[in-house]
C-alpha atoms as a PDB file:
ATOM      1  CA  MET A   1       0.000   0.000   0.000  1.00  0.00           C
ATOM      2  CA  SER A   2       1.370   3.399  -0.985  1.00  0.00           C
ATOM      3  CA  ARG A   3       2.236   5.813   1.796  1.00  0.00           C
ATOM      4  CA  GLN A   4       0.627   9.188   2.254  1.00  0.00           C
ATOM      5  CA  ARG A   5       2.317  11.826   0.111  1.00  0.00           C
ATOM      6  CA  TYR A   6       1.999  15.444   1.162  1.00  0.00           C
ATOM      7  CA  LEU A   7       3.374  17.088  -1.989  1.00  0.00           C
ATOM      8  CA  PRO A   8       0.744  15.737  -4.435  1.00  0.00           C
ATOM      9  CA  GLU A   9      -1.913  16.844  -1.931  1.00  0.00           C
ATOM     10  CA  SER A  10      -0.513  20.376  -2.131  1.00  0.00           C
ATOM     11  CA  VAL A  11      -0.017  20.235  -5.924  1.00  0.00           C
ATOM     12  CA  PRO A  12      -2.831  18.089  -7.386  1.00  0.00           C
ATOM     13  CA  GLY A  13      -1.552  18.492 -10.952  1.00  0.00           C
ATOM     14  CA  LEU A  14       1.894  17.114 -10.119  1.00  0.00           C
ATOM     15  CA  ALA A  15       0.992  13.419 -10.444  1.00  0.00           C
ATOM     16  CA  GLN A  16      -0.236  13.967 -14.002  1.00  0.00           C
ATOM     17  CA  ARG A  17       3.228  15.170 -14.952  1.00  0.00           C
ATOM     18  CA  ILE A  18       5.608  13.340 -12.598  1.00  0.00           C
ATOM     19  CA  ARG A  19       4.478  10.348 -10.557  1.00  0.00           C
ATOM     20  CA  ALA A  20       7.002   9.161  -7.984  1.00  0.00           C
ATOM     21  CA  LEU A  21       7.878   5.540  -7.322  1.00  0.00           C
ATOM     22  CA  ASP A  22       7.481   4.272  -3.763  1.00  0.00           C
ATOM     23  CA  LEU A  23      11.019   3.647  -2.523  1.00  0.00           C
ATOM     24  CA  LEU A  24      10.343   4.752   1.074  1.00  0.00           C
ATOM     25  CA  SER A  25       8.138   2.620   3.307  1.00  0.00           C
ATOM     26  CA  GLY A  26       6.811   5.703   5.093  1.00  0.00           C
ATOM     27  CA  PRO A  27       7.845   8.971   6.754  1.00  0.00           C
ATOM     28  CA  THR A  28      11.266   8.672   8.342  1.00  0.00           C
ATOM     29  CA  PRO A  29      11.389   8.900  12.155  1.00  0.00           C
ATOM     30  CA  ILE A  30      12.400  11.981  14.101  1.00  0.00           C
ATOM     31  CA  VAL A  31      14.281  11.120  17.287  1.00  0.00           C
ATOM     32  CA  GLU A  32      15.537  13.182  20.187  1.00  0.00           C
ATOM     33  CA  GLU A  33      19.250  13.061  21.048  1.00  0.00           C
ATOM     34  CA  ALA A  34      19.238  14.500  24.580  1.00  0.00           C
ATOM     35  CA  ALA A  35      22.772  13.394  25.496  1.00  0.00           C
ATOM     36  CA  LEU A  36      24.249  15.017  22.402  1.00  0.00           C
ATOM     37  CA  ALA A  37      22.226  18.163  23.079  1.00  0.00           C
ATOM     38  CA  ARG A  38      23.803  18.434  26.539  1.00  0.00           C
ATOM     39  CA  ARG A  39      27.244  17.725  25.109  1.00  0.00           C
ATOM     40  CA  TRP A  40      26.865  20.474  22.492  1.00  0.00           C
ATOM     41  CA  LYS A  41      25.115  22.969  24.819  1.00  0.00           C
ATOM     42  CA  LEU A  42      21.899  22.942  22.794  1.00  0.00           C
ATOM     43  CA  ARG A  43      18.486  23.518  24.280  1.00  0.00           C
ATOM     44  CA  SER A  44      17.333  20.420  22.375  1.00  0.00           C
ATOM     45  CA  LEU A  45      18.503  18.252  19.489  1.00  0.00           C
ATOM     46  CA  TRP A  46      16.298  16.199  17.193  1.00  0.00           C
ATOM     47  CA  VAL A  47      17.422  14.145  14.188  1.00  0.00           C
ATOM     48  CA  LYS A  48      15.350  13.576  11.056  1.00  0.00           C
ATOM     49  CA  ARG A  49      16.406  10.003  10.343  1.00  0.00           C
ATOM     50  CA  ASP A  50      16.605  10.092   6.575  1.00  0.00           C
ATOM     51  CA  ASP A  51      19.351   7.535   7.040  1.00  0.00           C
ATOM     52  CA  LEU A  52      16.354   5.160   7.386  1.00  0.00           C
ATOM     53  CA  THR A  53      14.589   5.963   4.107  1.00  0.00           C
ATOM     54  CA  SER A  54      15.119   2.375   2.926  1.00  0.00           C
ATOM     55  CA  ALA A  55      16.250  -0.896   4.469  1.00  0.00           C
ATOM     56  CA  ALA A  56      18.063  -1.701   1.209  1.00  0.00           C
ATOM     57  CA  TYR A  57      20.105   1.518   1.210  1.00  0.00           C
ATOM     58  CA  GLY A  58      18.971   4.734   2.829  1.00  0.00           C
ATOM     59  CA  GLY A  59      19.900   8.387   2.932  1.00  0.00           C
ATOM     60  CA  SER A  60      18.248  11.428   1.404  1.00  0.00           C
ATOM     61  CA  LYS A  61      19.305  10.402  -2.119  1.00  0.00           C
ATOM     62  CA  VAL A  62      16.469   7.863  -2.022  1.00  0.00           C
ATOM     63  CA  ARG A  63      14.011  10.757  -1.837  1.00  0.00           C
ATOM     64  CA  ASN A  64      15.531  12.291  -4.979  1.00  0.00           C
ATOM     65  CA  LEU A  65      15.356   8.949  -6.770  1.00  0.00           C
ATOM     66  CA  GLU A  66      11.643   8.443  -6.090  1.00  0.00           C
ATOM     67  CA  TYR A  67      10.850  11.232  -8.538  1.00  0.00           C
ATOM     68  CA  PHE A  68      13.722  10.664 -10.963  1.00  0.00           C
ATOM     69  CA  LEU A  69      12.911   6.964 -11.336  1.00  0.00           C
ATOM     70  CA  GLY A  70       9.188   7.612 -11.574  1.00  0.00           C
ATOM     71  CA  HIS A  71       9.818  10.145 -14.339  1.00  0.00           C
ATOM     72  CA  ALA A  72      12.137   7.743 -16.173  1.00  0.00           C
ATOM     73  CA  LYS A  73       9.656   4.870 -15.854  1.00  0.00           C
ATOM     74  CA  ALA A  74       6.829   6.973 -17.282  1.00  0.00           C
ATOM     75  CA  ARG A  75       9.019   7.867 -20.273  1.00  0.00           C
ATOM     76  CA  GLY A  76       9.789   4.222 -20.960  1.00  0.00           C
ATOM     77  CA  VAL A  77      13.533   4.649 -20.386  1.00  0.00           C
ATOM     78  CA  ALA A  78      15.472   1.474 -19.596  1.00  0.00           C
ATOM     79  CA  THR A  79      18.848   2.905 -18.493  1.00  0.00           C
ATOM     80  CA  LEU A  80      19.793   5.422 -15.819  1.00  0.00           C
ATOM     81  CA  ALA A  81      23.081   7.324 -15.759  1.00  0.00           C
ATOM     82  CA  THR A  82      24.623   9.587 -13.146  1.00  0.00           C
ATOM     83  CA  MET A  83      27.961  10.938 -11.968  1.00  0.00           C
ATOM     84  CA  GLY A  84      29.825  11.832  -8.785  1.00  0.00           C
ATOM     85  CA  PRO A  85      33.104  11.227  -6.947  1.00  0.00           C
ATOM     86  CA  TYR A  86      34.567   7.742  -6.510  1.00  0.00           C
ATOM     87  CA  GLY A  87      32.694   7.315  -3.223  1.00  0.00           C
ATOM     88  CA  SER A  88      29.426   8.806  -4.479  1.00  0.00           C
ATOM     89  CA  HIS A  89      26.379   7.984  -2.346  1.00  0.00           C
ATOM     90  CA  GLN A  90      24.215   8.943  -5.315  1.00  0.00           C
ATOM     91  CA  ALA A  91      25.903   6.415  -7.582  1.00  0.00           C
ATOM     92  CA  LEU A  92      25.394   3.667  -5.016  1.00  0.00           C
ATOM     93  CA  ALA A  93      21.763   4.630  -4.371  1.00  0.00           C
ATOM     94  CA  THR A  94      21.123   4.687  -8.130  1.00  0.00           C
ATOM     95  CA  ALA A  95      22.712   1.258  -8.541  1.00  0.00           C
ATOM     96  CA  VAL A  96      20.743  -0.297  -5.665  1.00  0.00           C
ATOM     97  CA  HIS A  97      17.322   1.202  -6.302  1.00  0.00           C
ATOM     98  CA  GLY A  98      17.669   1.340 -10.061  1.00  0.00           C
ATOM     99  CA  ALA A  99      18.337  -2.405 -10.184  1.00  0.00           C
ATOM    100  CA  ALA A 100      15.421  -3.102  -7.837  1.00  0.00           C
ATOM    101  CA  CYS A 101      13.102  -1.167 -10.171  1.00  0.00           C
ATOM    102  CA  GLY A 102      14.312  -2.975 -13.300  1.00  0.00           C
ATOM    103  CA  PHE A 103      16.640  -0.322 -14.742  1.00  0.00           C
ATOM    104  CA  ARG A 104      20.110  -0.762 -16.149  1.00  0.00           C
ATOM    105  CA  THR A 105      22.535   1.751 -14.609  1.00  0.00           C
ATOM    106  CA  ARG A 106      25.730   3.565 -15.552  1.00  0.00           C
ATOM    107  CA  ALA A 107      27.954   6.005 -13.676  1.00  0.00           C
ATOM    108  CA  LEU A 108      30.869   8.338 -14.301  1.00  0.00           C
ATOM    109  CA  LEU A 109      33.094   8.572 -11.223  1.00  0.00           C
ATOM    110  CA  LEU A 110      35.666  11.294 -10.628  1.00  0.00           C
ATOM    111  CA  PRO A 111      38.734  11.419  -8.339  1.00  0.00           C
ATOM    112  CA  GLN A 112      38.466  12.083  -4.614  1.00  0.00           C
ATOM    113  CA  PRO A 113      40.683  11.354  -1.586  1.00  0.00           C
ATOM    114  CA  ALA A 114      40.615   7.851  -0.131  1.00  0.00           C
ATOM    115  CA  ALA A 115      37.588   7.214   2.077  1.00  0.00           C
ATOM    116  CA  ARG A 116      35.576   4.226   3.238  1.00  0.00           C
ATOM    117  CA  GLU A 117      32.934   4.835   0.579  1.00  0.00           C
ATOM    118  CA  VAL A 118      35.500   4.696  -2.246  1.00  0.00           C
ATOM    119  CA  GLU A 119      36.330   1.066  -1.522  1.00  0.00           C
ATOM    120  CA  LEU A 120      32.680   0.278  -0.820  1.00  0.00           C
ATOM    121  CA  ASN A 121      31.663   1.549  -4.251  1.00  0.00           C
ATOM    122  CA  ARG A 122      34.498  -0.285  -5.952  1.00  0.00           C
ATOM    123  CA  HIS A 123      32.939  -3.589  -4.877  1.00  0.00           C
ATOM    124  CA  LEU A 124      29.235  -2.791  -4.643  1.00  0.00           C
ATOM    125  CA  LEU A 125      28.557  -0.875  -7.856  1.00  0.00           C
ATOM    126  CA  PRO A 126      29.537  -3.785 -10.161  1.00  0.00           C
ATOM    127  CA  ALA A 127      27.738  -6.204  -7.827  1.00  0.00           C
ATOM    128  CA  PHE A 128      24.491  -4.346  -8.502  1.00  0.00           C
ATOM    129  CA  GLY A 129      25.164  -4.408 -12.248  1.00  0.00           C
ATOM    130  CA  MET A 130      26.236  -0.793 -12.653  1.00  0.00           C
ATOM    131  CA  ASP A 131      28.476  -0.040 -15.635  1.00  0.00           C
ATOM    132  CA  VAL A 132      31.144   2.213 -14.107  1.00  0.00           C
ATOM    133  CA  ARG A 133      33.615   4.489 -15.877  1.00  0.00           C
ATOM    134  CA  ARG A 134      36.289   5.890 -13.556  1.00  0.00           C
ATOM    135  CA  CYS A 135      38.298   8.941 -14.590  1.00  0.00           C
ATOM    136  CA  ALA A 136      41.866   9.131 -13.339  1.00  0.00           C
ATOM    137  CA  HIS A 137      41.834  12.921 -13.775  1.00  0.00           C
ATOM    138  CA  TRP A 138      39.152  15.607 -13.983  1.00  0.00           C
ATOM    139  CA  SER A 139      40.294  16.479 -17.523  1.00  0.00           C
ATOM    140  CA  GLN A 140      38.806  13.153 -18.650  1.00  0.00           C
ATOM    141  CA  ALA A 141      35.333  14.094 -17.388  1.00  0.00           C
ATOM    142  CA  PRO A 142      33.860  15.575 -20.635  1.00  0.00           C
ATOM    143  CA  LEU A 143      34.634  12.473 -22.710  1.00  0.00           C
ATOM    144  CA  GLY A 144      33.569  10.209 -19.850  1.00  0.00           C
ATOM    145  CA  TYR A 145      30.284  12.083 -19.523  1.00  0.00           C
ATOM    146  CA  ALA A 146      29.539  11.696 -23.241  1.00  0.00           C
ATOM    147  CA  ARG A 147      30.195   7.960 -23.125  1.00  0.00           C
ATOM    148  CA  VAL A 148      28.193   7.352 -19.946  1.00  0.00           C
ATOM    149  CA  ARG A 149      25.210   9.418 -21.018  1.00  0.00           C
ATOM    150  CA  TRP A 150      25.102   8.809 -24.757  1.00  0.00           C
ATOM    151  CA  GLY A 151      27.255   5.729 -25.408  1.00  0.00           C
ATOM    152  CA  GLY A 152      25.162   2.867 -26.752  1.00  0.00           C
ATOM    153  CA  GLU A 153      21.590   3.251 -25.533  1.00  0.00           C
ATOM    154  CA  PRO A 154      20.822   6.856 -24.447  1.00  0.00           C
ATOM    155  CA  ALA A 155      20.245   7.026 -20.717  1.00  0.00           C
ATOM    156  CA  TYR A 156      17.985   9.005 -18.416  1.00  0.00           C
ATOM    157  CA  TRP A 157      20.382  11.488 -16.834  1.00  0.00           C
ATOM    158  CA  ILE A 158      20.412  12.106 -13.072  1.00  0.00           C
ATOM    159  CA  PRO A 159      22.677  15.131 -12.493  1.00  0.00           C
ATOM    160  CA  ALA A 160      25.494  15.083  -9.951  1.00  0.00           C
ATOM    161  CA  GLY A 161      24.103  15.614  -6.477  1.00  0.00           C
ATOM    162  CA  SER A 162      20.541  15.308  -7.873  1.00  0.00           C
ATOM    163  CA  LYS A 163      20.764  19.014  -8.714  1.00  0.00           C
ATOM    164  CA  HIS A 164      17.553  19.301 -10.683  1.00  0.00           C
ATOM    165  CA  PRO A 165      13.981  20.354  -9.800  1.00  0.00           C
ATOM    166  CA  ILE A 166      12.726  16.779 -10.275  1.00  0.00           C
ATOM    167  CA  GLY A 167      15.169  15.544  -7.628  1.00  0.00           C
ATOM    168  CA  VAL A 168      14.317  18.435  -5.320  1.00  0.00           C
ATOM    169  CA  LEU A 169      10.661  17.333  -5.245  1.00  0.00           C
ATOM    170  CA  GLY A 170      11.489  14.387  -3.006  1.00  0.00           C
ATOM    171  CA  ILE A 171      13.176  16.646  -0.464  1.00  0.00           C
ATOM    172  CA  ILE A 172      10.121  18.915  -0.387  1.00  0.00           C
ATOM    173  CA  GLU A 173       8.139  15.809   0.562  1.00  0.00           C
ATOM    174  CA  GLY A 174      10.482  15.344   3.516  1.00  0.00           C
ATOM    175  CA  ALA A 175      10.051  18.972   4.578  1.00  0.00           C
ATOM    176  CA  LEU A 176       6.272  18.546   4.487  1.00  0.00           C
ATOM    177  CA  GLU A 177       6.622  15.361   6.569  1.00  0.00           C
ATOM    178  CA  LEU A 178       8.432  17.390   9.208  1.00  0.00           C
ATOM    179  CA  ALA A 179       5.753  20.092   9.096  1.00  0.00           C
ATOM    180  CA  ALA A 180       3.047  17.450   9.597  1.00  0.00           C
ATOM    181  CA  ALA A 181       4.892  15.996  12.602  1.00  0.00           C
ATOM    182  CA  ILE A 182       5.082  19.465  14.156  1.00  0.00           C
ATOM    183  CA  ARG A 183       1.414  20.202  13.455  1.00  0.00           C
ATOM    184  CA  ASN A 184       0.471  16.854  15.033  1.00  0.00           C
ATOM    185  CA  HIS A 185       2.535  17.703  18.134  1.00  0.00           C
ATOM    186  CA  GLN A 186       4.876  14.754  17.629  1.00  0.00           C
ATOM    187  CA  ILE A 187       7.853  17.076  18.105  1.00  0.00           C
ATOM    188  CA  PRO A 188       8.260  20.748  19.039  1.00  0.00           C
ATOM    189  CA  CYS A 189       9.063  23.209  16.275  1.00  0.00           C
ATOM    190  CA  PRO A 190      12.870  23.679  16.124  1.00  0.00           C
ATOM    191  CA  ASP A 191      14.595  27.035  15.819  1.00  0.00           C
ATOM    192  CA  ASP A 192      17.107  25.675  13.293  1.00  0.00           C
ATOM    193  CA  VAL A 193      17.163  22.829  10.770  1.00  0.00           C
ATOM    194  CA  VAL A 194      20.807  22.014  10.023  1.00  0.00           C
ATOM    195  CA  VAL A 195      21.671  20.245   6.765  1.00  0.00           C
ATOM    196  CA  PRO A 196      24.960  19.191   5.107  1.00  0.00           C
ATOM    197  CA  THR A 197      25.201  21.003   1.778  1.00  0.00           C
ATOM    198  CA  GLY A 198      26.860  19.962  -1.454  1.00  0.00           C
ATOM    199  CA  THR A 199      25.171  20.809  -4.749  1.00  0.00           C
ATOM    200  CA  CYS A 200      22.202  22.305  -2.822  1.00  0.00           C
ATOM    201  CA  ALA A 201      19.443  19.861  -3.825  1.00  0.00           C
ATOM    202  CA  THR A 202      18.635  18.994  -0.216  1.00  0.00           C
ATOM    203  CA  ALA A 203      19.005  22.550   1.076  1.00  0.00           C
ATOM    204  CA  ALA A 204      16.873  23.943  -1.772  1.00  0.00           C
ATOM    205  CA  GLY A 205      14.159  21.357  -1.181  1.00  0.00           C
ATOM    206  CA  LEU A 206      13.996  22.099   2.530  1.00  0.00           C
ATOM    207  CA  TYR A 207      14.061  25.855   1.931  1.00  0.00           C
ATOM    208  CA  LEU A 208      11.144  25.618  -0.503  1.00  0.00           C
ATOM    209  CA  GLY A 209       9.271  22.984   1.492  1.00  0.00           C
ATOM    210  CA  PHE A 210       9.410  25.020   4.686  1.00  0.00           C
ATOM    211  CA  ALA A 211       8.115  28.046   2.770  1.00  0.00           C
ATOM    212  CA  MET A 212       5.236  26.010   1.359  1.00  0.00           C
ATOM    213  CA  ALA A 213       4.377  24.740   4.847  1.00  0.00           C
ATOM    214  CA  ARG A 214       4.858  28.202   6.384  1.00  0.00           C
ATOM    215  CA  LEU A 215       7.105  26.582   8.943  1.00  0.00           C
ATOM    216  CA  PRO A 216       8.832  29.248  11.106  1.00  0.00           C
ATOM    217  CA  VAL A 217      12.291  27.658  11.190  1.00  0.00           C
ATOM    218  CA  ARG A 218      15.718  28.845  10.112  1.00  0.00           C
ATOM    219  CA  LEU A 219      17.464  26.672   7.532  1.00  0.00           C
ATOM    220  CA  VAL A 220      21.165  26.333   8.382  1.00  0.00           C
ATOM    221  CA  ALA A 221      23.060  25.082   5.313  1.00  0.00           C
ATOM    222  CA  VAL A 222      26.653  24.034   6.017  1.00  0.00           C
ATOM    223  CA  ARG A 223      28.868  24.170   2.907  1.00  0.00           C
ATOM    224  CA  LEU A 224      31.006  21.042   2.482  1.00  0.00           C
ATOM    225  CA  VAL A 225      32.106  21.187  -1.176  1.00  0.00           C
ATOM    226  CA  PRO A 226      34.062  23.795  -3.202  1.00  0.00           C
ATOM    227  CA  MET A 227      32.313  27.117  -3.750  1.00  0.00           C
ATOM    228  CA  MET A 228      32.524  26.661  -7.531  1.00  0.00           C
ATOM    229  CA  VAL A 229      29.682  24.100  -7.325  1.00  0.00           C
ATOM    230  CA  THR A 230      27.597  25.567  -4.535  1.00  0.00           C
ATOM    231  CA  GLY A 231      26.574  28.743  -2.724  1.00  0.00           C
ATOM    232  CA  PRO A 232      23.502  30.486  -1.296  1.00  0.00           C
ATOM    233  CA  GLY A 233      22.651  32.002  -4.681  1.00  0.00           C
ATOM    234  CA  LYS A 234      22.671  28.562  -6.296  1.00  0.00           C
ATOM    235  CA  MET A 235      20.467  27.215  -3.513  1.00  0.00           C
ATOM    236  CA  LYS A 236      17.894  29.978  -4.022  1.00  0.00           C
ATOM    237  CA  ARG A 237      17.937  29.587  -7.811  1.00  0.00           C
ATOM    238  CA  LEU A 238      17.342  25.849  -7.552  1.00  0.00           C
ATOM    239  CA  ALA A 239      14.467  26.475  -5.122  1.00  0.00           C
ATOM    240  CA  GLN A 240      12.972  29.010  -7.545  1.00  0.00           C
ATOM    241  CA  GLN A 241      13.372  26.633 -10.508  1.00  0.00           C
ATOM    242  CA  THR A 242      11.559  23.940  -8.545  1.00  0.00           C
ATOM    243  CA  LEU A 243       8.823  26.390  -7.603  1.00  0.00           C
ATOM    244  CA  SER A 244       8.421  27.198 -11.310  1.00  0.00           C
ATOM    245  CA  LEU A 245       7.888  23.489 -11.991  1.00  0.00           C
ATOM    246  CA  LEU A 246       5.246  23.351  -9.252  1.00  0.00           C
ATOM    247  CA  ARG A 247       3.553  26.462 -10.661  1.00  0.00           C
ATOM    248  CA  GLN A 248       3.363  24.725 -14.051  1.00  0.00           C
ATOM    249  CA  CYS A 249       1.602  21.858 -12.264  1.00  0.00           C
ATOM    250  CA  GLY A 250      -1.018  24.182 -10.791  1.00  0.00           C
ATOM    251  CA  TYR A 251       0.445  25.237  -7.435  1.00  0.00           C
ATOM    252  CA  ARG A 252      -0.944  28.697  -6.696  1.00  0.00           C
ATOM    253  CA  ASP A 253      -0.411  29.361  -2.997  1.00  0.00           C
ATOM    254  CA  PRO A 254       1.614  32.466  -2.084  1.00  0.00           C
ATOM    255  CA  LEU A 255       4.975  31.714  -0.482  1.00  0.00           C
ATOM    256  CA  HIS A 256       6.552  33.172   2.619  1.00  0.00           C
ATOM    257  CA  TRP A 257      10.271  32.447   2.374  1.00  0.00           C
ATOM    258  CA  GLY A 258      11.802  31.770   5.771  1.00  0.00           C
ATOM    259  CA  GLU A 259      15.139  32.686   7.261  1.00  0.00           C
ATOM    260  CA  HIS A 260      18.273  30.895   6.169  1.00  0.00           C
ATOM    261  CA  LEU A 261      21.890  30.889   7.305  1.00  0.00           C
ATOM    262  CA  TRP A 262      24.718  29.837   4.973  1.00  0.00           C
ATOM    263  CA  VAL A 263      27.670  28.535   7.007  1.00  0.00           C
ATOM    264  CA  GLU A 264      31.273  28.578   5.814  1.00  0.00           C
ATOM    265  CA  GLY A 265      34.377  27.213   7.499  1.00  0.00           C
ATOM    266  CA  TYR A 266      33.582  23.500   7.817  1.00  0.00           C
ATOM    267  CA  ALA A 267      34.579  22.105   4.410  1.00  0.00           C
ATOM    268  CA  GLY A 268      38.060  21.516   5.798  1.00  0.00           C
ATOM    269  CA  PRO A 269      41.239  21.007   3.769  1.00  0.00           C
ATOM    270  CA  GLY A 270      39.409  19.189   0.974  1.00  0.00           C
ATOM    271  CA  TYR A 271      36.474  17.025  -0.068  1.00  0.00           C
ATOM    272  CA  GLY A 272      36.324  13.947   2.142  1.00  0.00           C
ATOM    273  CA  ILE A 273      39.264  15.065   4.306  1.00  0.00           C
ATOM    274  CA  GLY A 274      38.545  15.499   7.998  1.00  0.00           C
ATOM    275  CA  HIS A 275      39.586  18.203  10.431  1.00  0.00           C
ATOM    276  CA  ALA A 276      39.409  18.914  14.166  1.00  0.00           C
ATOM    277  CA  PRO A 277      35.694  19.873  14.333  1.00  0.00           C
ATOM    278  CA  SER A 278      34.605  16.823  12.305  1.00  0.00           C
ATOM    279  CA  GLN A 279      36.742  14.515  14.416  1.00  0.00           C
ATOM    280  CA  ALA A 280      35.269  15.951  17.619  1.00  0.00           C
ATOM    281  CA  ALA A 281      31.752  15.521  16.255  1.00  0.00           C
ATOM    282  CA  ALA A 282      32.446  11.909  15.234  1.00  0.00           C
ATOM    283  CA  ARG A 283      33.734  11.068  18.733  1.00  0.00           C
ATOM    284  CA  ASP A 284      30.720  12.693  20.362  1.00  0.00           C
ATOM    285  CA  VAL A 285      28.198  10.869  18.172  1.00  0.00           C
ATOM    286  CA  ALA A 286      29.972   7.551  18.764  1.00  0.00           C
ATOM    287  CA  ALA A 287      29.852   8.121  22.534  1.00  0.00           C
ATOM    288  CA  PHE A 288      26.447   9.781  22.965  1.00  0.00           C
ATOM    289  CA  GLY A 289      24.412   9.368  19.761  1.00  0.00           C
ATOM    290  CA  SER A 290      22.277   6.670  18.158  1.00  0.00           C
ATOM    291  CA  PHE A 291      23.201   7.051  14.464  1.00  0.00           C
ATOM    292  CA  ARG A 292      26.301   6.603  12.325  1.00  0.00           C
ATOM    293  CA  THR A 293      28.291   9.286  10.523  1.00  0.00           C
ATOM    294  CA  GLU A 294      30.788   9.606   7.683  1.00  0.00           C
ATOM    295  CA  ILE A 295      33.636  12.016   7.005  1.00  0.00           C
ATOM    296  CA  THR A 296      32.499  13.749   3.820  1.00  0.00           C
ATOM    297  CA  TYR A 297      29.233  15.327   4.948  1.00  0.00           C
ATOM    298  CA  THR A 298      27.697  14.406   8.303  1.00  0.00           C
ATOM    299  CA  GLU A 299      30.745  14.686  10.558  1.00  0.00           C
ATOM    300  CA  LYS A 300      31.854  18.005   9.074  1.00  0.00           C
ATOM    301  CA  CYS A 301      28.333  19.399   9.299  1.00  0.00           C
ATOM    302  CA  LEU A 302      27.986  18.291  12.923  1.00  0.00           C
ATOM    303  CA  GLY A 303      31.296  20.028  13.623  1.00  0.00           C
ATOM    304  CA  LEU A 304      29.206  23.219  13.701  1.00  0.00           C
ATOM    305  CA  LEU A 305      27.292  21.844  16.697  1.00  0.00           C
ATOM    306  CA  ALA A 306      30.379  20.364  18.359  1.00  0.00           C
ATOM    307  CA  ASP A 307      31.892  23.862  18.166  1.00  0.00           C
ATOM    308  CA  HIS A 308      28.894  25.154  20.176  1.00  0.00           C
ATOM    309  CA  LYS A 309      27.996  27.578  17.380  1.00  0.00           C
ATOM    310  CA  LEU A 310      24.254  27.071  17.960  1.00  0.00           C
ATOM    311  CA  SER A 311      24.318  27.037  21.755  1.00  0.00           C
ATOM    312  CA  ASP A 312      20.977  27.304  23.542  1.00  0.00           C
ATOM    313  CA  ARG A 313      19.018  26.735  20.309  1.00  0.00           C
ATOM    314  CA  ASN A 314      16.424  24.064  19.519  1.00  0.00           C
ATOM    315  CA  VAL A 315      18.043  22.227  16.623  1.00  0.00           C
ATOM    316  CA  LEU A 316      16.955  19.530  14.181  1.00  0.00           C
ATOM    317  CA  PHE A 317      19.739  17.830  12.214  1.00  0.00           C
ATOM    318  CA  TRP A 318      18.739  16.409   8.825  1.00  0.00           C
ATOM    319  CA  ASN A 319      20.707  13.156   8.572  1.00  0.00           C
ATOM    320  CA  THR A 320      21.330  12.503   4.877  1.00  0.00           C
ATOM    321  CA  TYR A 321      23.616   9.452   5.295  1.00  0.00           C
ATOM    322  CA  SER A 322      22.439   5.828   5.008  1.00  0.00           C
ATOM    323  CA  ALA A 323      22.162   3.790   8.217  1.00  0.00           C
ATOM    324  CA  VAL A 324      23.072   0.616   6.304  1.00  0.00           C
ATOM    325  CA  ASP A 325      25.421  -0.620   3.627  1.00  0.00           C
ATOM    326  CA  PRO A 326      23.657  -2.511   0.837  1.00  0.00           C
ATOM    327  CA  GLN A 327      23.536  -6.303   0.855  1.00  0.00           C
ATOM    328  CA  ALA A 328      24.750  -7.518  -2.519  1.00  0.00           C
ATOM    329  CA  PRO A 329      24.016 -11.273  -2.728  1.00  0.00           C
ATOM    330  CA  ASN A 330      26.921 -12.130  -4.976  1.00  0.00           C
ATOM    331  CA  ILE A 331      29.560 -10.625  -2.650  1.00  0.00           C
ATOM    332  CA  GLY A 332      27.870 -10.714   0.742  1.00  0.00           C
ATOM    333  CA  GLY A 333      27.523  -6.921   1.005  1.00  0.00           C
ATOM    334  CA  GLY A 334      27.964  -4.883   4.111  1.00  0.00           C
ATOM    335  CA  ALA A 335      26.247  -5.116   7.459  1.00  0.00           C
ATOM    336  CA  PRO A 336      24.112  -2.589   9.231  1.00  0.00           C
ATOM    337  CA  ALA A 337      26.088  -0.383  11.562  1.00  0.00           C
END
């Protein structure tokens, strides 16, 4: 049975144009982390457990894929293609959920420093049938992109980081889930919603979703990738582009854009390379928290809280990382952490 979807209720014409696949079993839980709140001098800390979007492989990328895969299925496309760094969570999510939905998958992977996810992808992507092209240098990316997207059978393209209005739709659904939980008094309304930020798809979706729900929260977007691919202007443009898509589908409600804070200083010495705040956050979560973290996004983002930069605030952290590694039958896969 399909779960309740808040976005099609708000935009009745959306399903006629883009119908999402059901990859999530239901709204992800929101849990209180009282020990971490005391450790980080917060008034309260809640975590939106998007790491639990799917038992097969979770994280917020699954929300993006619900709409991408539904759009591809409606168009009769058989192959999906995407790109990202060697340890890309999007590539792995596309491989896992694309295969489960009957798609063939391809990916272009670009260099990044060694990390756990790099080795994980090296084994898991082929195990799920993904055709992978790895570039040894960024200069090889244009040719690699052409071959992955257009080589042989043309593929449905999922942009890096899901940076497209169709991908953003799934994140809006998550924002509306949070608004419903607050309206139903399941949790108190936070002052801040803190999110790790790369290409801005998640931040843009939350920013727009909170505006649609008229939720009086401040979005705190923590930059974790080079400025050439991100920034507050890019976040706002992507939110506006997604709003334009919703307007085309009949959404007419006036919007009240909320407050947002763009945070610099936590990207560290490079993509996927840790630093003192991220290491402190990782130790604190291991000792006092109930979820797992990784070095590229979650630990660096939580460094903001470990630094006591939001002291005495009611904070909700949007956990974008998967709680589990996929189980690939032909190699045994990983195990839940």
